[in-house]
Amino acid sequence: MIGIFLVNILMALAWGAMSGSFEFVNLVFGFVLASALLYTIREQIGSGGYFKRAGRVLSLAGLFVYELVLSAWRVARMVLTPDISNLKPGIIAYPLTVDRDFEITLLANMVTLTPGTLSVDVSRDRAVLYVHCIDVPDPEATIEEIRNGFERKILEAFR
């Protein structure tokens, strides 16, 4: 899997050398071009899993952008509402399904980068992520939203 990714990068660099331009946009074009080439010969080189994983990583990135926009909209509405007495801030204990350091770090960072939430800590046994929410009227719904959103997509993309 990683070998195919490195081949893809080397082919993009070869494209840069052949075209005489190592500008970012040209290298991205070379990467996409190399991906298309590798995709056409995927059965011969056994790289079908590489493209499935790439699609899953793109799906995770799309979900993150969607949640980022949605959360930014929610926080902007909260800020522009003169009455903040309805807000229920709190810290929730999110039970982790992910157990690898990379996955925990990615989940914690995605939660932190989403407006209105902040990863506070991970328990010593790496089983619980503590998340501060600016408004958490239903902690169980928030836990389910994270479980069925970011965490599910992380598991799909990296396992």
C-alpha atoms as a PDB file:
ATOM      1  CA  MET A   1       0.000   0.000   0.000  1.00  0.00           C
ATOM      2  CA  ILE A   2       2.704   2.467   0.999  1.00  0.00           C
ATOM      3  CA  GLY A   3       4.894   1.177  -1.840  1.00  0.00           C
ATOM      4  CA  ILE A   4       2.264   2.168  -4.422  1.00  0.00           C
ATOM      5  CA  PHE A   5       1.960   5.611  -2.811  1.00  0.00           C
ATOM      6  CA  LEU A   6       5.737   6.085  -3.084  1.00  0.00           C
ATOM      7  CA  VAL A   7       5.636   4.973  -6.718  1.00  0.00           C
ATOM      8  CA  ASN A   8       2.877   7.533  -7.274  1.00  0.00           C
ATOM      9  CA  ILE A   9       5.020  10.270  -5.716  1.00  0.00           C
ATOM     10  CA  LEU A  10       8.088   9.223  -7.737  1.00  0.00           C
ATOM     11  CA  MET A  11       6.052   9.286 -10.920  1.00  0.00           C
ATOM     12  CA  ALA A  12       4.821  12.792 -10.042  1.00  0.00           C
ATOM     13  CA  LEU A  13       8.434  13.885  -9.518  1.00  0.00           C
ATOM     14  CA  ALA A  14       9.373  12.279 -12.835  1.00  0.00           C
ATOM     15  CA  TRP A  15       6.568  14.291 -14.419  1.00  0.00           C
ATOM     16  CA  GLY A  16       8.034  17.431 -12.872  1.00  0.00           C
ATOM     17  CA  ALA A  17      11.470  16.576 -14.266  1.00  0.00           C
ATOM     18  CA  MET A  18      10.090  15.824 -17.738  1.00  0.00           C
ATOM     19  CA  SER A  19       8.005  18.984 -17.857  1.00  0.00           C
ATOM     20  CA  GLY A  20      10.798  21.088 -16.372  1.00  0.00           C
ATOM     21  CA  SER A  21       8.591  22.557 -13.638  1.00  0.00           C
ATOM     22  CA  PHE A  22       8.473  21.611  -9.981  1.00  0.00           C
ATOM     23  CA  GLU A  23       5.764  24.075  -9.098  1.00  0.00           C
ATOM     24  CA  PHE A  24       3.135  22.741  -6.704  1.00  0.00           C
ATOM     25  CA  VAL A  25       0.296  22.804  -9.224  1.00  0.00           C
ATOM     26  CA  ASN A  26       2.375  20.923 -11.801  1.00  0.00           C
ATOM     27  CA  LEU A  27       3.381  18.276  -9.230  1.00  0.00           C
ATOM     28  CA  VAL A  28      -0.254  17.827  -8.184  1.00  0.00           C
ATOM     29  CA  PHE A  29      -1.158  17.383 -11.846  1.00  0.00           C
ATOM     30  CA  GLY A  30       1.642  14.821 -12.166  1.00  0.00           C
ATOM     31  CA  PHE A  31       0.342  13.006  -9.067  1.00  0.00           C
ATOM     32  CA  VAL A  32      -3.177  12.861 -10.522  1.00  0.00           C
ATOM     33  CA  LEU A  33      -1.807  11.734 -13.875  1.00  0.00           C
ATOM     34  CA  ALA A  34       0.281   9.024 -12.186  1.00  0.00           C
ATOM     35  CA  SER A  35      -2.749   7.943 -10.165  1.00  0.00           C
ATOM     36  CA  ALA A  36      -4.762   7.543 -13.352  1.00  0.00           C
ATOM     37  CA  LEU A  37      -1.979   5.492 -14.893  1.00  0.00           C
ATOM     38  CA  LEU A  38      -1.636   3.280 -11.805  1.00  0.00           C
ATOM     39  CA  TYR A  39      -5.396   2.864 -11.713  1.00  0.00           C
ATOM     40  CA  THR A  40      -5.449   1.517 -15.267  1.00  0.00           C
ATOM     41  CA  ILE A  41      -2.883  -1.167 -14.384  1.00  0.00           C
ATOM     42  CA  ARG A  42      -4.115  -1.833 -10.831  1.00  0.00           C
ATOM     43  CA  GLU A  43      -4.895  -5.512 -11.462  1.00  0.00           C
ATOM     44  CA  GLN A  44      -1.427  -6.221 -12.859  1.00  0.00           C
ATOM     45  CA  ILE A  45       0.377  -4.588  -9.925  1.00  0.00           C
ATOM     46  CA  GLY A  46      -2.154  -5.485  -7.218  1.00  0.00           C
ATOM     47  CA  SER A  47      -2.914  -1.955  -6.093  1.00  0.00           C
ATOM     48  CA  GLY A  48      -6.724  -2.075  -5.883  1.00  0.00           C
ATOM     49  CA  GLY A  49      -6.622  -1.480  -2.113  1.00  0.00           C
ATOM     50  CA  TYR A  50      -4.601   1.696  -2.616  1.00  0.00           C
ATOM     51  CA  PHE A  51      -7.411   3.331  -4.581  1.00  0.00           C
ATOM     52  CA  LYS A  52     -10.097   2.154  -2.157  1.00  0.00           C
ATOM     53  CA  ARG A  53      -8.141   3.673   0.728  1.00  0.00           C
ATOM     54  CA  ALA A  54      -7.561   6.895  -1.208  1.00  0.00           C
ATOM     55  CA  GLY A  55     -11.311   7.165  -1.771  1.00  0.00           C
ATOM     56  CA  ARG A  56     -11.971   6.588   1.919  1.00  0.00           C
ATOM     57  CA  VAL A  57      -9.412   9.223   2.932  1.00  0.00           C
ATOM     58  CA  LEU A  58     -11.058  11.681   0.524  1.00  0.00           C
ATOM     59  CA  SER A  59     -14.438  10.791   2.051  1.00  0.00           C
ATOM     60  CA  LEU A  60     -13.024  11.555   5.520  1.00  0.00           C
ATOM     61  CA  ALA A  61     -11.665  14.880   4.250  1.00  0.00           C
ATOM     62  CA  GLY A  62     -15.049  15.708   2.715  1.00  0.00           C
ATOM     63  CA  LEU A  63     -16.828  14.921   5.983  1.00  0.00           C
ATOM     64  CA  PHE A  64     -14.367  17.128   7.858  1.00  0.00           C
ATOM     65  CA  VAL A  65     -14.960  20.067   5.500  1.00  0.00           C
ATOM     66  CA  TYR A  66     -18.739  19.567   5.778  1.00  0.00           C
ATOM     67  CA  GLU A  67     -18.595  19.462   9.598  1.00  0.00           C
ATOM     68  CA  LEU A  68     -16.248  22.442   9.625  1.00  0.00           C
ATOM     69  CA  VAL A  69     -18.692  24.582   7.637  1.00  0.00           C
ATOM     70  CA  LEU A  70     -21.709  23.350   9.609  1.00  0.00           C
ATOM     71  CA  SER A  71     -20.034  23.973  12.966  1.00  0.00           C
ATOM     72  CA  ALA A  72     -18.767  27.391  11.895  1.00  0.00           C
ATOM     73  CA  TRP A  73     -22.338  28.295  10.953  1.00  0.00           C
ATOM     74  CA  ARG A  74     -23.643  27.089  14.337  1.00  0.00           C
ATOM     75  CA  VAL A  75     -21.002  29.023  16.277  1.00  0.00           C
ATOM     76  CA  ALA A  76     -21.609  32.167  14.200  1.00  0.00           C
ATOM     77  CA  ARG A  77     -25.326  31.900  15.011  1.00  0.00           C
ATOM     78  CA  MET A  78     -24.493  31.527  18.713  1.00  0.00           C
ATOM     79  CA  VAL A  79     -22.224  34.560  18.635  1.00  0.00           C
ATOM     80  CA  LEU A  80     -24.772  36.703  16.830  1.00  0.00           C
ATOM     81  CA  THR A  81     -27.625  35.687  19.158  1.00  0.00           C
ATOM     82  CA  PRO A  82     -27.835  38.243  21.946  1.00  0.00           C
ATOM     83  CA  ASP A  83     -29.222  35.759  24.508  1.00  0.00           C
ATOM     84  CA  ILE A  84     -26.640  33.164  25.497  1.00  0.00           C
ATOM     85  CA  SER A  85     -28.577  31.874  28.482  1.00  0.00           C
ATOM     86  CA  ASN A  86     -29.749  28.879  26.423  1.00  0.00           C
ATOM     87  CA  LEU A  87     -26.192  27.619  25.907  1.00  0.00           C
ATOM     88  CA  LYS A  88     -25.220  24.525  27.859  1.00  0.00           C
ATOM     89  CA  PRO A  89     -21.420  24.243  27.759  1.00  0.00           C
ATOM     90  CA  GLY A  90     -19.844  21.110  29.136  1.00  0.00           C
ATOM     91  CA  ILE A  91     -17.194  18.446  28.939  1.00  0.00           C
ATOM     92  CA  ILE A  92     -18.199  15.042  27.636  1.00  0.00           C
ATOM     93  CA  ALA A  93     -16.324  11.780  28.109  1.00  0.00           C
ATOM     94  CA  TYR A  94     -16.208  10.200  24.668  1.00  0.00           C
ATOM     95  CA  PRO A  95     -15.466   6.436  24.760  1.00  0.00           C
ATOM     96  CA  LEU A  96     -12.920   5.722  22.036  1.00  0.00           C
ATOM     97  CA  THR A  97     -13.210   2.883  19.560  1.00  0.00           C
ATOM     98  CA  VAL A  98      -9.986   3.858  17.803  1.00  0.00           C
ATOM     99  CA  ASP A  99      -6.935   2.585  19.664  1.00  0.00           C
ATOM    100  CA  ARG A 100      -3.890   3.470  17.583  1.00  0.00           C
ATOM    101  CA  ASP A 101      -1.971   6.615  18.475  1.00  0.00           C
ATOM    102  CA  PHE A 102      -2.330   8.028  14.958  1.00  0.00           C
ATOM    103  CA  GLU A 103      -6.087   7.467  14.923  1.00  0.00           C
ATOM    104  CA  ILE A 104      -6.583   8.968  18.390  1.00  0.00           C
ATOM    105  CA  THR A 105      -4.484  11.988  17.443  1.00  0.00           C
ATOM    106  CA  LEU A 106      -6.360  12.449  14.164  1.00  0.00           C
ATOM    107  CA  LEU A 107      -9.752  12.218  15.888  1.00  0.00           C
ATOM    108  CA  ALA A 108      -8.706  14.626  18.657  1.00  0.00           C
ATOM    109  CA  ASN A 109      -7.372  17.120  16.111  1.00  0.00           C
ATOM    110  CA  MET A 110     -10.465  16.915  13.906  1.00  0.00           C
ATOM    111  CA  VAL A 111     -12.663  17.544  16.959  1.00  0.00           C
ATOM    112  CA  THR A 112     -10.464  20.466  18.040  1.00  0.00           C
ATOM    113  CA  LEU A 113     -10.391  22.035  14.579  1.00  0.00           C
ATOM    114  CA  THR A 114     -14.178  21.925  14.381  1.00  0.00           C
ATOM    115  CA  PRO A 115     -15.559  25.201  15.811  1.00  0.00           C
ATOM    116  CA  GLY A 116     -17.404  24.832  19.098  1.00  0.00           C
ATOM    117  CA  THR A 117     -15.478  21.784  20.319  1.00  0.00           C
ATOM    118  CA  LEU A 118     -12.077  21.269  21.881  1.00  0.00           C
ATOM    119  CA  SER A 119     -10.279  18.045  22.767  1.00  0.00           C
ATOM    120  CA  VAL A 120      -9.144  18.480  26.341  1.00  0.00           C
ATOM    121  CA  ASP A 121      -7.435  15.225  27.259  1.00  0.00           C
ATOM    122  CA  VAL A 122      -7.149  11.503  26.616  1.00  0.00           C
ATOM    123  CA  SER A 123      -7.345   9.099  29.550  1.00  0.00           C
ATOM    124  CA  ARG A 124      -4.160   7.241  30.518  1.00  0.00           C
ATOM    125  CA  ASP A 125      -5.553   3.965  29.218  1.00  0.00           C
ATOM    126  CA  ARG A 126      -6.430   5.686  25.897  1.00  0.00           C
ATOM    127  CA  ALA A 127     -10.060   4.609  26.193  1.00  0.00           C
ATOM    128  CA  VAL A 128     -11.713   8.013  26.717  1.00  0.00           C
ATOM    129  CA  LEU A 129     -11.353  11.357  24.936  1.00  0.00           C
ATOM    130  CA  TYR A 130     -12.560  14.348  26.933  1.00  0.00           C
ATOM    131  CA  VAL A 131     -14.152  16.997  24.731  1.00  0.00           C
ATOM    132  CA  HIS A 132     -15.286  20.479  25.743  1.00  0.00           C
ATOM    133  CA  CYS A 133     -18.354  21.631  23.825  1.00  0.00           C
ATOM    134  CA  ILE A 134     -19.574  25.217  23.735  1.00  0.00           C
ATOM    135  CA  ASP A 135     -23.155  23.924  23.615  1.00  0.00           C
ATOM    136  CA  VAL A 136     -24.061  20.342  24.482  1.00  0.00           C
ATOM    137  CA  PRO A 137     -27.777  20.059  25.258  1.00  0.00           C
ATOM    138  CA  ASP A 138     -27.690  16.265  24.727  1.00  0.00           C
ATOM    139  CA  PRO A 139     -24.313  14.628  25.509  1.00  0.00           C
ATOM    140  CA  GLU A 140     -25.410  11.228  24.157  1.00  0.00           C
ATOM    141  CA  ALA A 141     -26.401  12.769  20.813  1.00  0.00           C
ATOM    142  CA  THR A 142     -23.009  14.498  20.609  1.00  0.00           C
ATOM    143  CA  ILE A 143     -21.225  11.212  21.355  1.00  0.00           C
ATOM    144  CA  GLU A 144     -23.234   9.438  18.648  1.00  0.00           C
ATOM    145  CA  GLU A 145     -22.502  12.247  16.194  1.00  0.00           C
ATOM    146  CA  ILE A 146     -18.750  11.843  16.718  1.00  0.00           C
ATOM    147  CA  ARG A 147     -18.968   8.025  16.672  1.00  0.00           C
ATOM    148  CA  ASN A 148     -21.004   7.893  13.448  1.00  0.00           C
ATOM    149  CA  GLY A 149     -19.060  10.718  11.816  1.00  0.00           C
ATOM    150  CA  PHE A 150     -15.356  11.256  12.357  1.00  0.00           C
ATOM    151  CA  GLU A 151     -14.537   8.031  14.185  1.00  0.00           C
ATOM    152  CA  ARG A 152     -16.370   5.763  11.732  1.00  0.00           C
ATOM    153  CA  LYS A 153     -14.688   7.445   8.759  1.00  0.00           C
ATOM    154  CA  ILE A 154     -11.257   7.203  10.427  1.00  0.00           C
ATOM    155  CA  LEU A 155     -11.762   3.481  11.005  1.00  0.00           C
ATOM    156  CA  GLU A 156     -12.883   3.001   7.384  1.00  0.00           C
ATOM    157  CA  ALA A 157      -9.937   4.945   6.002  1.00  0.00           C
ATOM    158  CA  PHE A 158      -7.099   3.491   8.078  1.00  0.00           C
ATOM    159  CA  ARG A 159      -8.035  -0.122   8.786  1.00  0.00           C
END
